[in-house]
């Protein structure tokens, strides 16, 4: 990271030309950062790097499924209305990781 991009993630972004698959690949070249870490980074980065949005990875889609929502990212975004994709992704991931969060959300929606 330091040697290749001078510690500046914007340089990584430039090298990837803002393309999500390339960003994900380059992130995984950083020692200790695998597919899950790259997904976490991209879910968060979509708030500040608009070209990444919408980024709903498998973990977010698992949360959608747990909540009885469609697993299709386009349908989810349409249902979410003007909710920022990063906020939607974070909420879905919380539902995928915590059964109580999912159950509470379903109770409140019902």
PDB file of N, CA and C in Angstrom:
ATOM      1  N   UNK A   1       0.832  -1.191   0.000  1.00  0.00           N
ATOM      2  CA  UNK A   1       0.000   0.000   0.000  1.00  0.00           C
ATOM      3  C   UNK A   1       0.874   1.252   0.000  1.00  0.00           C
ATOM      4  N   UNK A   2       1.825   1.280   0.920  1.00  0.00           N
ATOM      5  CA  UNK A   2       2.684   2.456   1.020  1.00  0.00           C
ATOM      6  C   UNK A   2       3.595   2.568  -0.194  1.00  0.00           C
ATOM      7  N   UNK A   3       4.197   1.457  -0.594  1.00  0.00           N
ATOM      8  CA  UNK A   3       5.126   1.499  -1.718  1.00  0.00           C
ATOM      9  C   UNK A   3       4.397   1.759  -3.036  1.00  0.00           C
ATOM     10  N   UNK A   4       3.303   1.086  -3.256  1.00  0.00           N
ATOM     11  CA  UNK A   4       2.628   1.164  -4.557  1.00  0.00           C
ATOM     12  C   UNK A   4       1.834   2.451  -4.730  1.00  0.00           C
ATOM     13  N   UNK A   5       1.108   2.872  -3.692  1.00  0.00           N
ATOM     14  CA  UNK A   5       0.237   4.034  -3.826  1.00  0.00           C
ATOM     15  C   UNK A   5       0.602   5.166  -2.878  1.00  0.00           C
ATOM     16  N   UNK A   6       1.771   5.075  -2.279  1.00  0.00           N
ATOM     17  CA  UNK A   6       2.216   6.129  -1.372  1.00  0.00           C
ATOM     18  C   UNK A   6       1.295   6.303  -0.172  1.00  0.00           C
ATOM     19  N   UNK A   7       0.582   5.217   0.213  1.00  0.00           N
ATOM     20  CA  UNK A   7      -0.335   5.289   1.342  1.00  0.00           C
ATOM     21  C   UNK A   7      -1.612   6.050   1.045  1.00  0.00           C
ATOM     22  N   UNK A   8      -1.854   6.374  -0.207  1.00  0.00           N
ATOM     23  CA  UNK A   8      -3.009   7.187  -0.599  1.00  0.00           C
ATOM     24  C   UNK A   8      -3.986   6.334  -1.403  1.00  0.00           C
ATOM     25  N   UNK A   9      -5.124   6.020  -0.806  1.00  0.00           N
ATOM     26  CA  UNK A   9      -6.110   5.180  -1.482  1.00  0.00           C
ATOM     27  C   UNK A   9      -6.690   5.832  -2.738  1.00  0.00           C
ATOM     28  N   UNK A  10      -6.585   7.140  -2.830  1.00  0.00           N
ATOM     29  CA  UNK A  10      -7.046   7.802  -4.059  1.00  0.00           C
ATOM     30  C   UNK A  10      -6.219   7.355  -5.258  1.00  0.00           C
ATOM     31  N   UNK A  11      -4.961   7.040  -5.031  1.00  0.00           N
ATOM     32  CA  UNK A  11      -4.104   6.546  -6.122  1.00  0.00           C
ATOM     33  C   UNK A  11      -4.525   5.153  -6.548  1.00  0.00           C
ATOM     34  N   UNK A  12      -4.917   4.325  -5.595  1.00  0.00           N
ATOM     35  CA  UNK A  12      -5.465   3.013  -5.924  1.00  0.00           C
ATOM     36  C   UNK A  12      -6.712   3.198  -6.784  1.00  0.00           C
ATOM     37  N   UNK A  13      -7.555   4.127  -6.378  1.00  0.00           N
ATOM     38  CA  UNK A  13      -8.789   4.434  -7.122  1.00  0.00           C
ATOM     39  C   UNK A  13      -8.469   4.871  -8.547  1.00  0.00           C
ATOM     40  N   UNK A  14      -7.463   5.718  -8.692  1.00  0.00           N
ATOM     41  CA  UNK A  14      -7.051   6.176 -10.025  1.00  0.00           C
ATOM     42  C   UNK A  14      -6.553   5.015 -10.872  1.00  0.00           C
ATOM     43  N   UNK A  15      -5.749   4.136 -10.265  1.00  0.00           N
ATOM     44  CA  UNK A  15      -5.235   2.991 -11.008  1.00  0.00           C
ATOM     45  C   UNK A  15      -6.371   2.096 -11.493  1.00  0.00           C
ATOM     46  N   UNK A  16      -7.405   1.966 -10.694  1.00  0.00           N
ATOM     47  CA  UNK A  16      -8.554   1.135 -11.067  1.00  0.00           C
ATOM     48  C   UNK A  16      -9.500   1.871 -12.002  1.00  0.00           C
ATOM     49  N   UNK A  17      -9.235   3.142 -12.268  1.00  0.00           N
ATOM     50  CA  UNK A  17     -10.086   3.973 -13.106  1.00  0.00           C
ATOM     51  C   UNK A  17     -11.526   3.973 -12.593  1.00  0.00           C
ATOM     52  N   UNK A  18     -11.680   3.827 -11.271  1.00  0.00           N
ATOM     53  CA  UNK A  18     -12.994   3.860 -10.656  1.00  0.00           C
ATOM     54  C   UNK A  18     -13.865   2.649 -10.934  1.00  0.00           C
ATOM     55  N   UNK A  19     -13.320   1.627 -11.558  1.00  0.00           N
ATOM     56  CA  UNK A  19     -14.098   0.431 -11.900  1.00  0.00           C
ATOM     57  C   UNK A  19     -14.127  -0.520 -10.696  1.00  0.00           C
ATOM     58  N   UNK A  20     -15.331  -0.859 -10.276  1.00  0.00           N
ATOM     59  CA  UNK A  20     -15.512  -1.646  -9.055  1.00  0.00           C
ATOM     60  C   UNK A  20     -14.787  -2.988  -9.092  1.00  0.00           C
ATOM     61  N   UNK A  21     -14.911  -3.785 -10.153  1.00  0.00           N
ATOM     62  CA  UNK A  21     -14.189  -5.067 -10.134  1.00  0.00           C
ATOM     63  C   UNK A  21     -12.671  -4.889  -9.985  1.00  0.00           C
ATOM     64  N   UNK A  22     -12.145  -3.863 -10.626  1.00  0.00           N
ATOM     65  CA  UNK A  22     -10.704  -3.614 -10.531  1.00  0.00           C
ATOM     66  C   UNK A  22     -10.339  -3.091  -9.136  1.00  0.00           C
ATOM     67  N   UNK A  23     -11.177  -2.231  -8.576  1.00  0.00           N
ATOM     68  CA  UNK A  23     -10.939  -1.765  -7.205  1.00  0.00           C
ATOM     69  C   UNK A  23     -10.907  -2.951  -6.250  1.00  0.00           C
ATOM     70  N   UNK A  24     -11.862  -3.837  -6.394  1.00  0.00           N
ATOM     71  CA  UNK A  24     -11.941  -5.016  -5.520  1.00  0.00           C
ATOM     72  C   UNK A  24     -10.697  -5.887  -5.677  1.00  0.00           C
ATOM     73  N   UNK A  25     -10.251  -6.065  -6.901  1.00  0.00           N
ATOM     74  CA  UNK A  25      -9.054  -6.873  -7.166  1.00  0.00           C
ATOM     75  C   UNK A  25      -7.820  -6.221  -6.556  1.00  0.00           C
ATOM     76  N   UNK A  26      -7.640  -4.931  -6.783  1.00  0.00           N
ATOM     77  CA  UNK A  26      -6.473  -4.229  -6.255  1.00  0.00           C
ATOM     78  C   UNK A  26      -6.461  -4.214  -4.723  1.00  0.00           C
ATOM     79  N   UNK A  27      -7.618  -4.036  -4.128  1.00  0.00           N
ATOM     80  CA  UNK A  27      -7.685  -4.062  -2.666  1.00  0.00           C
ATOM     81  C   UNK A  27      -7.187  -5.392  -2.119  1.00  0.00           C
ATOM     82  N   UNK A  28      -7.501  -6.476  -2.807  1.00  0.00           N
ATOM     83  CA  UNK A  28      -7.100  -7.793  -2.339  1.00  0.00           C
ATOM     84  C   UNK A  28      -5.607  -8.053  -2.520  1.00  0.00           C
ATOM     85  N   UNK A  29      -4.923  -7.176  -3.248  1.00  0.00           N
ATOM     86  CA  UNK A  29      -3.468  -7.280  -3.348  1.00  0.00           C
ATOM     87  C   UNK A  29      -2.771  -6.749  -2.099  1.00  0.00           C
ATOM     88  N   UNK A  30      -3.509  -6.021  -1.269  1.00  0.00           N
ATOM     89  CA  UNK A  30      -2.948  -5.516  -0.021  1.00  0.00           C
ATOM     90  C   UNK A  30      -2.842  -6.697   0.940  1.00  0.00           C
ATOM     91  N   UNK A  31      -1.654  -6.960   1.469  1.00  0.00           N
ATOM     92  CA  UNK A  31      -1.485  -8.100   2.383  1.00  0.00           C
ATOM     93  C   UNK A  31      -2.500  -8.066   3.528  1.00  0.00           C
ATOM     94  N   UNK A  32      -3.152  -9.217   3.734  1.00  0.00           N
ATOM     95  CA  UNK A  32      -4.115  -9.349   4.811  1.00  0.00           C
ATOM     96  C   UNK A  32      -5.523  -8.912   4.470  1.00  0.00           C
ATOM     97  N   UNK A  33      -5.719  -8.403   3.270  1.00  0.00           N
ATOM     98  CA  UNK A  33      -7.053  -7.943   2.864  1.00  0.00           C
ATOM     99  C   UNK A  33      -7.601  -8.900   1.809  1.00  0.00           C
ATOM    100  N   UNK A  34      -8.557  -9.702   2.203  1.00  0.00           N
ATOM    101  CA  UNK A  34      -9.142 -10.680   1.297  1.00  0.00           C
ATOM    102  C   UNK A  34     -10.454 -10.199   0.717  1.00  0.00           C
ATOM    103  N   UNK A  35     -11.223 -11.115   0.153  1.00  0.00           N
ATOM    104  CA  UNK A  35     -12.508 -10.756  -0.463  1.00  0.00           C
ATOM    105  C   UNK A  35     -13.481 -10.078   0.511  1.00  0.00           C
ATOM    106  N   UNK A  36     -13.592 -10.600   1.725  1.00  0.00           N
ATOM    107  CA  UNK A  36     -14.522  -9.999   2.692  1.00  0.00           C
ATOM    108  C   UNK A  36     -14.079  -8.584   3.057  1.00  0.00           C
ATOM    109  N   UNK A  37     -12.788  -8.394   3.267  1.00  0.00           N
ATOM    110  CA  UNK A  37     -12.275  -7.063   3.593  1.00  0.00           C
ATOM    111  C   UNK A  37     -12.485  -6.075   2.456  1.00  0.00           C
ATOM    112  N   UNK A  38     -12.287  -6.540   1.228  1.00  0.00           N
ATOM    113  CA  UNK A  38     -12.516  -5.674   0.064  1.00  0.00           C
ATOM    114  C   UNK A  38     -13.988  -5.284  -0.019  1.00  0.00           C
ATOM    115  N   UNK A  39     -14.882  -6.246   0.256  1.00  0.00           N
ATOM    116  CA  UNK A  39     -16.313  -5.934   0.234  1.00  0.00           C
ATOM    117  C   UNK A  39     -16.673  -4.909   1.297  1.00  0.00           C
ATOM    118  N   UNK A  40     -16.137  -5.088   2.498  1.00  0.00           N
ATOM    119  CA  UNK A  40     -16.401  -4.131   3.578  1.00  0.00           C
ATOM    120  C   UNK A  40     -15.923  -2.741   3.172  1.00  0.00           C
ATOM    121  N   UNK A  41     -14.715  -2.674   2.638  1.00  0.00           N
ATOM    122  CA  UNK A  41     -14.171  -1.381   2.217  1.00  0.00           C
ATOM    123  C   UNK A  41     -15.079  -0.728   1.176  1.00  0.00           C
ATOM    124  N   UNK A  42     -15.476  -1.482   0.162  1.00  0.00           N
ATOM    125  CA  UNK A  42     -16.282  -0.917  -0.915  1.00  0.00           C
ATOM    126  C   UNK A  42     -17.681  -0.526  -0.449  1.00  0.00           C
ATOM    127  N   UNK A  43     -18.248  -1.286   0.486  1.00  0.00           N
ATOM    128  CA  UNK A  43     -19.558  -0.890   1.040  1.00  0.00           C
ATOM    129  C   UNK A  43     -19.460   0.481   1.691  1.00  0.00           C
ATOM    130  N   UNK A  44     -18.366   0.710   2.402  1.00  0.00           N
ATOM    131  CA  UNK A  44     -18.185   1.993   3.082  1.00  0.00           C
ATOM    132  C   UNK A  44     -17.741   3.104   2.121  1.00  0.00           C
ATOM    133  N   UNK A  45     -16.880   2.761   1.189  1.00  0.00           N
ATOM    134  CA  UNK A  45     -16.328   3.762   0.270  1.00  0.00           C
ATOM    135  C   UNK A  45     -17.382   4.353  -0.659  1.00  0.00           C
ATOM    136  N   UNK A  46     -18.477   3.636  -0.868  1.00  0.00           N
ATOM    137  CA  UNK A  46     -19.481   4.146  -1.804  1.00  0.00           C
ATOM    138  C   UNK A  46     -20.097   5.465  -1.346  1.00  0.00           C
ATOM    139  N   UNK A  47     -19.933   5.796  -0.079  1.00  0.00           N
ATOM    140  CA  UNK A  47     -20.432   7.100   0.401  1.00  0.00           C
ATOM    141  C   UNK A  47     -19.581   8.248  -0.114  1.00  0.00           C
ATOM    142  N   UNK A  48     -18.293   7.987  -0.349  1.00  0.00           N
ATOM    143  CA  UNK A  48     -17.399   9.066  -0.778  1.00  0.00           C
ATOM    144  C   UNK A  48     -16.879   8.889  -2.195  1.00  0.00           C
ATOM    145  N   UNK A  49     -17.000   7.695  -2.737  1.00  0.00           N
ATOM    146  CA  UNK A  49     -16.605   7.429  -4.112  1.00  0.00           C
ATOM    147  C   UNK A  49     -17.869   7.051  -4.882  1.00  0.00           C
ATOM    148  N   UNK A  50     -18.544   8.020  -5.463  1.00  0.00           N
ATOM    149  CA  UNK A  50     -19.847   7.771  -6.108  1.00  0.00           C
ATOM    150  C   UNK A  50     -19.825   6.676  -7.171  1.00  0.00           C
ATOM    151  N   UNK A  51     -18.702   6.489  -7.827  1.00  0.00           N
ATOM    152  CA  UNK A  51     -18.648   5.477  -8.883  1.00  0.00           C
ATOM    153  C   UNK A  51     -18.759   4.056  -8.335  1.00  0.00           C
ATOM    154  N   UNK A  52     -18.570   3.878  -7.040  1.00  0.00           N
ATOM    155  CA  UNK A  52     -18.687   2.561  -6.421  1.00  0.00           C
ATOM    156  C   UNK A  52     -20.156   2.216  -6.169  1.00  0.00           C
ATOM    157  N   UNK A  53     -20.974   3.230  -5.921  1.00  0.00           N
ATOM    158  CA  UNK A  53     -22.388   3.020  -5.591  1.00  0.00           C
ATOM    159  C   UNK A  53     -23.200   2.645  -6.824  1.00  0.00           C
ATOM    160  N   UNK A  54     -24.172   1.815  -6.653  1.00  0.00           N
ATOM    161  CA  UNK A  54     -24.512   1.101  -5.434  1.00  0.00           C
ATOM    162  C   UNK A  54     -23.676  -0.171  -5.302  1.00  0.00           C
ATOM    163  N   UNK A  55     -23.226  -0.446  -4.107  1.00  0.00           N
ATOM    164  CA  UNK A  55     -22.449  -1.653  -3.853  1.00  0.00           C
ATOM    165  C   UNK A  55     -23.152  -2.472  -2.780  1.00  0.00           C
ATOM    166  N   UNK A  56     -23.884  -3.470  -3.222  1.00  0.00           N
ATOM    167  CA  UNK A  56     -24.565  -4.398  -2.324  1.00  0.00           C
ATOM    168  C   UNK A  56     -23.950  -5.766  -2.559  1.00  0.00           C
ATOM    169  N   UNK A  57     -23.061  -6.144  -1.671  1.00  0.00           N
ATOM    170  CA  UNK A  57     -22.353  -7.412  -1.814  1.00  0.00           C
ATOM    171  C   UNK A  57     -23.184  -8.570  -1.268  1.00  0.00           C
ATOM    172  N   UNK A  58     -22.591  -9.745  -1.297  1.00  0.00           N
ATOM    173  CA  UNK A  58     -23.298 -10.947  -0.875  1.00  0.00           C
ATOM    174  C   UNK A  58     -23.811 -10.855   0.561  1.00  0.00           C
ATOM    175  N   UNK A  59     -23.027 -10.271   1.450  1.00  0.00           N
ATOM    176  CA  UNK A  59     -23.439 -10.155   2.855  1.00  0.00           C
ATOM    177  C   UNK A  59     -24.685  -9.266   2.969  1.00  0.00           C
ATOM    178  N   UNK A  60     -24.726  -8.174   2.231  1.00  0.00           N
ATOM    179  CA  UNK A  60     -25.906  -7.303   2.244  1.00  0.00           C
ATOM    180  C   UNK A  60     -27.113  -8.036   1.655  1.00  0.00           C
ATOM    181  N   UNK A  61     -26.886  -8.776   0.593  1.00  0.00           N
ATOM    182  CA  UNK A  61     -27.987  -9.513  -0.034  1.00  0.00           C
ATOM    183  C   UNK A  61     -28.480 -10.647   0.868  1.00  0.00           C
ATOM    184  N   UNK A  62     -27.597 -11.217   1.683  1.00  0.00           N
ATOM    185  CA  UNK A  62     -28.025 -12.210   2.677  1.00  0.00           C
ATOM    186  C   UNK A  62     -28.972 -11.560   3.691  1.00  0.00           C
ATOM    187  N   UNK A  63     -28.688 -10.336   4.062  1.00  0.00           N
ATOM    188  CA  UNK A  63     -29.565  -9.606   4.987  1.00  0.00           C
ATOM    189  C   UNK A  63     -30.919  -9.339   4.369  1.00  0.00           C
ATOM    190  N   UNK A  64     -30.919  -8.998   3.090  1.00  0.00           N
ATOM    191  CA  UNK A  64     -32.187  -8.782   2.391  1.00  0.00           C
ATOM    192  C   UNK A  64     -33.020 -10.060   2.426  1.00  0.00           C
ATOM    193  N   UNK A  65     -32.379 -11.173   2.165  1.00  0.00           N
ATOM    194  CA  UNK A  65     -33.083 -12.445   2.176  1.00  0.00           C
ATOM    195  C   UNK A  65     -33.656 -12.742   3.571  1.00  0.00           C
ATOM    196  N   UNK A  66     -32.873 -12.491   4.608  1.00  0.00           N
ATOM    197  CA  UNK A  66     -33.329 -12.735   5.980  1.00  0.00           C
ATOM    198  C   UNK A  66     -34.553 -11.889   6.310  1.00  0.00           C
ATOM    199  N   UNK A  67     -34.639 -10.722   5.687  1.00  0.00           N
ATOM    200  CA  UNK A  67     -35.768  -9.818   5.933  1.00  0.00           C
ATOM    201  C   UNK A  67     -36.943 -10.062   4.980  1.00  0.00           C
ATOM    202  N   UNK A  68     -36.787 -11.035   4.103  1.00  0.00           N
ATOM    203  CA  UNK A  68     -37.857 -11.322   3.147  1.00  0.00           C
ATOM    204  C   UNK A  68     -37.915 -10.334   2.005  1.00  0.00           C
ATOM    205  N   UNK A  69     -36.817  -9.662   1.764  1.00  0.00           N
ATOM    206  CA  UNK A  69     -36.730  -8.693   0.674  1.00  0.00           C
ATOM    207  C   UNK A  69     -36.100  -9.351  -0.547  1.00  0.00           C
ATOM    208  N   UNK A  70     -36.286  -8.754  -1.714  1.00  0.00           N
ATOM    209  CA  UNK A  70     -35.653  -9.324  -2.903  1.00  0.00           C
ATOM    210  C   UNK A  70     -34.129  -9.271  -2.801  1.00  0.00           C
ATOM    211  N   UNK A  71     -33.469 -10.243  -3.426  1.00  0.00           N
ATOM    212  CA  UNK A  71     -32.006 -10.268  -3.425  1.00  0.00           C
ATOM    213  C   UNK A  71     -31.429  -9.569  -4.659  1.00  0.00           C
ATOM    214  N   UNK A  72     -32.289  -9.000  -5.459  1.00  0.00           N
ATOM    215  CA  UNK A  72     -31.859  -8.277  -6.651  1.00  0.00           C
ATOM    216  C   UNK A  72     -31.499  -6.843  -6.253  1.00  0.00           C
ATOM    217  N   UNK A  73     -30.238  -6.426  -6.453  1.00  0.00           N
ATOM    218  CA  UNK A  73     -29.831  -5.077  -6.025  1.00  0.00           C
ATOM    219  C   UNK A  73     -30.697  -3.953  -6.599  1.00  0.00           C
ATOM    220  N   UNK A  74     -31.073  -4.042  -7.850  1.00  0.00           N
ATOM    221  CA  UNK A  74     -31.885  -2.972  -8.448  1.00  0.00           C
ATOM    222  C   UNK A  74     -33.245  -2.870  -7.766  1.00  0.00           C
ATOM    223  N   UNK A  75     -33.860  -4.003  -7.493  1.00  0.00           N
ATOM    224  CA  UNK A  75     -35.163  -3.988  -6.812  1.00  0.00           C
ATOM    225  C   UNK A  75     -35.029  -3.446  -5.400  1.00  0.00           C
ATOM    226  N   UNK A  76     -33.967  -3.837  -4.705  1.00  0.00           N
ATOM    227  CA  UNK A  76     -33.737  -3.336  -3.349  1.00  0.00           C
ATOM    228  C   UNK A  76     -33.575  -1.817  -3.342  1.00  0.00           C
ATOM    229  N   UNK A  77     -32.796  -1.314  -4.271  1.00  0.00           N
ATOM    230  CA  UNK A  77     -32.575   0.130  -4.338  1.00  0.00           C
ATOM    231  C   UNK A  77     -33.878   0.869  -4.635  1.00  0.00           C
ATOM    232  N   UNK A  78     -34.683   0.294  -5.491  1.00  0.00           N
ATOM    233  CA  UNK A  78     -35.972   0.917  -5.811  1.00  0.00           C
ATOM    234  C   UNK A  78     -36.865   0.944  -4.570  1.00  0.00           C
ATOM    235  N   UNK A  79     -36.909  -0.176  -3.834  1.00  0.00           N
ATOM    236  CA  UNK A  79     -37.705  -0.226  -2.607  1.00  0.00           C
ATOM    237  C   UNK A  79     -37.194   0.752  -1.553  1.00  0.00           C
ATOM    238  N   UNK A  80     -35.884   0.965  -1.522  1.00  0.00           N
ATOM    239  CA  UNK A  80     -35.279   1.843  -0.517  1.00  0.00           C
ATOM    240  C   UNK A  80     -35.508   3.320  -0.806  1.00  0.00           C
ATOM    241  N   UNK A  81     -35.986   3.634  -1.988  1.00  0.00           N
ATOM    242  CA  UNK A  81     -36.267   5.033  -2.325  1.00  0.00           C
ATOM    243  C   UNK A  81     -35.016   5.880  -2.321  1.00  0.00           C
ATOM    244  N   UNK A  82     -35.036   6.959  -1.554  1.00  0.00           N
ATOM    245  CA  UNK A  82     -33.898   7.879  -1.559  1.00  0.00           C
ATOM    246  C   UNK A  82     -32.854   7.556  -0.493  1.00  0.00           C
ATOM    247  N   UNK A  83     -32.942   6.379   0.112  1.00  0.00           N
ATOM    248  CA  UNK A  83     -31.929   5.953   1.082  1.00  0.00           C
ATOM    249  C   UNK A  83     -30.596   5.776   0.378  1.00  0.00           C
ATOM    250  N   UNK A  84     -29.547   6.319   0.960  1.00  0.00           N
ATOM    251  CA  UNK A  84     -28.214   6.161   0.371  1.00  0.00           C
ATOM    252  C   UNK A  84     -27.851   4.686   0.299  1.00  0.00           C
ATOM    253  N   UNK A  85     -27.250   4.251  -0.815  1.00  0.00           N
ATOM    254  CA  UNK A  85     -26.854   2.845  -0.933  1.00  0.00           C
ATOM    255  C   UNK A  85     -25.962   2.371   0.210  1.00  0.00           C
ATOM    256  N   UNK A  86     -25.066   3.219   0.701  1.00  0.00           N
ATOM    257  CA  UNK A  86     -24.180   2.810   1.806  1.00  0.00           C
ATOM    258  C   UNK A  86     -24.977   2.556   3.077  1.00  0.00           C
ATOM    259  N   UNK A  87     -25.988   3.371   3.320  1.00  0.00           N
ATOM    260  CA  UNK A  87     -26.838   3.205   4.501  1.00  0.00           C
ATOM    261  C   UNK A  87     -27.661   1.929   4.365  1.00  0.00           C
ATOM    262  N   UNK A  88     -28.215   1.702   3.182  1.00  0.00           N
ATOM    263  CA  UNK A  88     -28.978   0.481   2.919  1.00  0.00           C
ATOM    264  C   UNK A  88     -28.091  -0.746   3.115  1.00  0.00           C
ATOM    265  N   UNK A  89     -26.902  -0.718   2.542  1.00  0.00           N
ATOM    266  CA  UNK A  89     -25.988  -1.854   2.658  1.00  0.00           C
ATOM    267  C   UNK A  89     -25.648  -2.126   4.119  1.00  0.00           C
ATOM    268  N   UNK A  90     -25.367  -1.086   4.884  1.00  0.00           N
ATOM    269  CA  UNK A  90     -25.018  -1.265   6.299  1.00  0.00           C
ATOM    270  C   UNK A  90     -26.179  -1.885   7.074  1.00  0.00           C
ATOM    271  N   UNK A  91     -27.389  -1.430   6.822  1.00  0.00           N
ATOM    272  CA  UNK A  91     -28.554  -1.971   7.520  1.00  0.00           C
ATOM    273  C   UNK A  91     -28.779  -3.436   7.154  1.00  0.00           C
ATOM    274  N   UNK A  92     -28.620  -3.760   5.882  1.00  0.00           N
ATOM    275  CA  UNK A  92     -28.809  -5.138   5.443  1.00  0.00           C
ATOM    276  C   UNK A  92     -27.748  -6.059   6.035  1.00  0.00           C
ATOM    277  N   UNK A  93     -26.523  -5.575   6.119  1.00  0.00           N
ATOM    278  CA  UNK A  93     -25.453  -6.387   6.711  1.00  0.00           C
ATOM    279  C   UNK A  93     -25.744  -6.625   8.186  1.00  0.00           C
ATOM    280  N   UNK A  94     -26.215  -5.587   8.893  1.00  0.00           N
ATOM    281  CA  UNK A  94     -26.568  -5.777  10.309  1.00  0.00           C
ATOM    282  C   UNK A  94     -27.635  -6.857  10.446  1.00  0.00           C
ATOM    283  N   UNK A  95     -28.619  -6.841   9.557  1.00  0.00           N
ATOM    284  CA  UNK A  95     -29.678  -7.862   9.601  1.00  0.00           C
ATOM    285  C   UNK A  95     -29.125  -9.246   9.299  1.00  0.00           C
ATOM    286  N   UNK A  96     -28.124  -9.316   8.428  1.00  0.00           N
ATOM    287  CA  UNK A  96     -27.558 -10.628   8.094  1.00  0.00           C
ATOM    288  C   UNK A  96     -26.727 -11.190   9.245  1.00  0.00           C
ATOM    289  N   UNK A  97     -26.138 -10.316  10.039  1.00  0.00           N
ATOM    290  CA  UNK A  97     -25.242 -10.745  11.110  1.00  0.00           C
ATOM    291  C   UNK A  97     -25.932 -10.941  12.461  1.00  0.00           C
ATOM    292  N   UNK A  98     -27.064 -10.294  12.644  1.00  0.00           N
ATOM    293  CA  UNK A  98     -27.713 -10.309  13.958  1.00  0.00           C
ATOM    294  C   UNK A  98     -29.188 -10.662  13.805  1.00  0.00           C
ATOM    295  N   UNK A  99     -29.538 -11.862  14.214  1.00  0.00           N
ATOM    296  CA  UNK A  99     -30.917 -12.352  14.085  1.00  0.00           C
ATOM    297  C   UNK A  99     -31.903 -11.444  14.811  1.00  0.00           C
ATOM    298  N   UNK A 100     -31.497 -10.905  15.976  1.00  0.00           N
ATOM    299  CA  UNK A 100     -32.393 -10.019  16.730  1.00  0.00           C
ATOM    300  C   UNK A 100     -32.691  -8.735  15.964  1.00  0.00           C
ATOM    301  N   UNK A 101     -31.706  -8.189  15.288  1.00  0.00           N
ATOM    302  CA  UNK A 101     -31.921  -6.987  14.482  1.00  0.00           C
ATOM    303  C   UNK A 101     -32.940  -7.288  13.396  1.00  0.00           C
ATOM    304  N   UNK A 102     -32.768  -8.424  12.729  1.00  0.00           N
ATOM    305  CA  UNK A 102     -33.691  -8.804  11.665  1.00  0.00           C
ATOM    306  C   UNK A 102     -35.103  -8.999  12.214  1.00  0.00           C
ATOM    307  N   UNK A 103     -35.224  -9.729  13.323  1.00  0.00           N
ATOM    308  CA  UNK A 103     -36.545  -9.983  13.901  1.00  0.00           C
ATOM    309  C   UNK A 103     -37.210  -8.698  14.363  1.00  0.00           C
ATOM    310  N   UNK A 104     -36.436  -7.788  14.980  1.00  0.00           N
ATOM    311  CA  UNK A 104     -36.978  -6.498  15.406  1.00  0.00           C
ATOM    312  C   UNK A 104     -37.456  -5.686  14.201  1.00  0.00           C
ATOM    313  N   UNK A 105     -36.684  -5.696  13.139  1.00  0.00           N
ATOM    314  CA  UNK A 105     -37.070  -4.966  11.929  1.00  0.00           C
ATOM    315  C   UNK A 105     -38.366  -5.520  11.349  1.00  0.00           C
ATOM    316  N   UNK A 106     -38.470  -6.841  11.336  1.00  0.00           N
ATOM    317  CA  UNK A 106     -39.693  -7.464  10.811  1.00  0.00           C
ATOM    318  C   UNK A 106     -40.904  -7.154  11.691  1.00  0.00           C
ATOM    319  N   UNK A 107     -40.723  -7.152  13.014  1.00  0.00           N
ATOM    320  CA  UNK A 107     -41.823  -6.801  13.914  1.00  0.00           C
ATOM    321  C   UNK A 107     -42.292  -5.364  13.667  1.00  0.00           C
ATOM    322  N   UNK A 108     -41.341  -4.462  13.540  1.00  0.00           N
ATOM    323  CA  UNK A 108     -41.694  -3.043  13.351  1.00  0.00           C
ATOM    324  C   UNK A 108     -42.369  -2.802  12.006  1.00  0.00           C
ATOM    325  N   UNK A 109     -41.976  -3.578  11.016  1.00  0.00           N
ATOM    326  CA  UNK A 109     -42.563  -3.425   9.678  1.00  0.00           C
ATOM    327  C   UNK A 109     -43.976  -4.007   9.617  1.00  0.00           C
ATOM    328  N   UNK A 110     -44.239  -5.007  10.474  1.00  0.00           N
ATOM    329  CA  UNK A 110     -45.510  -5.715  10.438  1.00  0.00           C
ATOM    330  C   UNK A 110     -46.592  -4.946  11.060  1.00  0.00           C
TER     331      UNK A 110
END
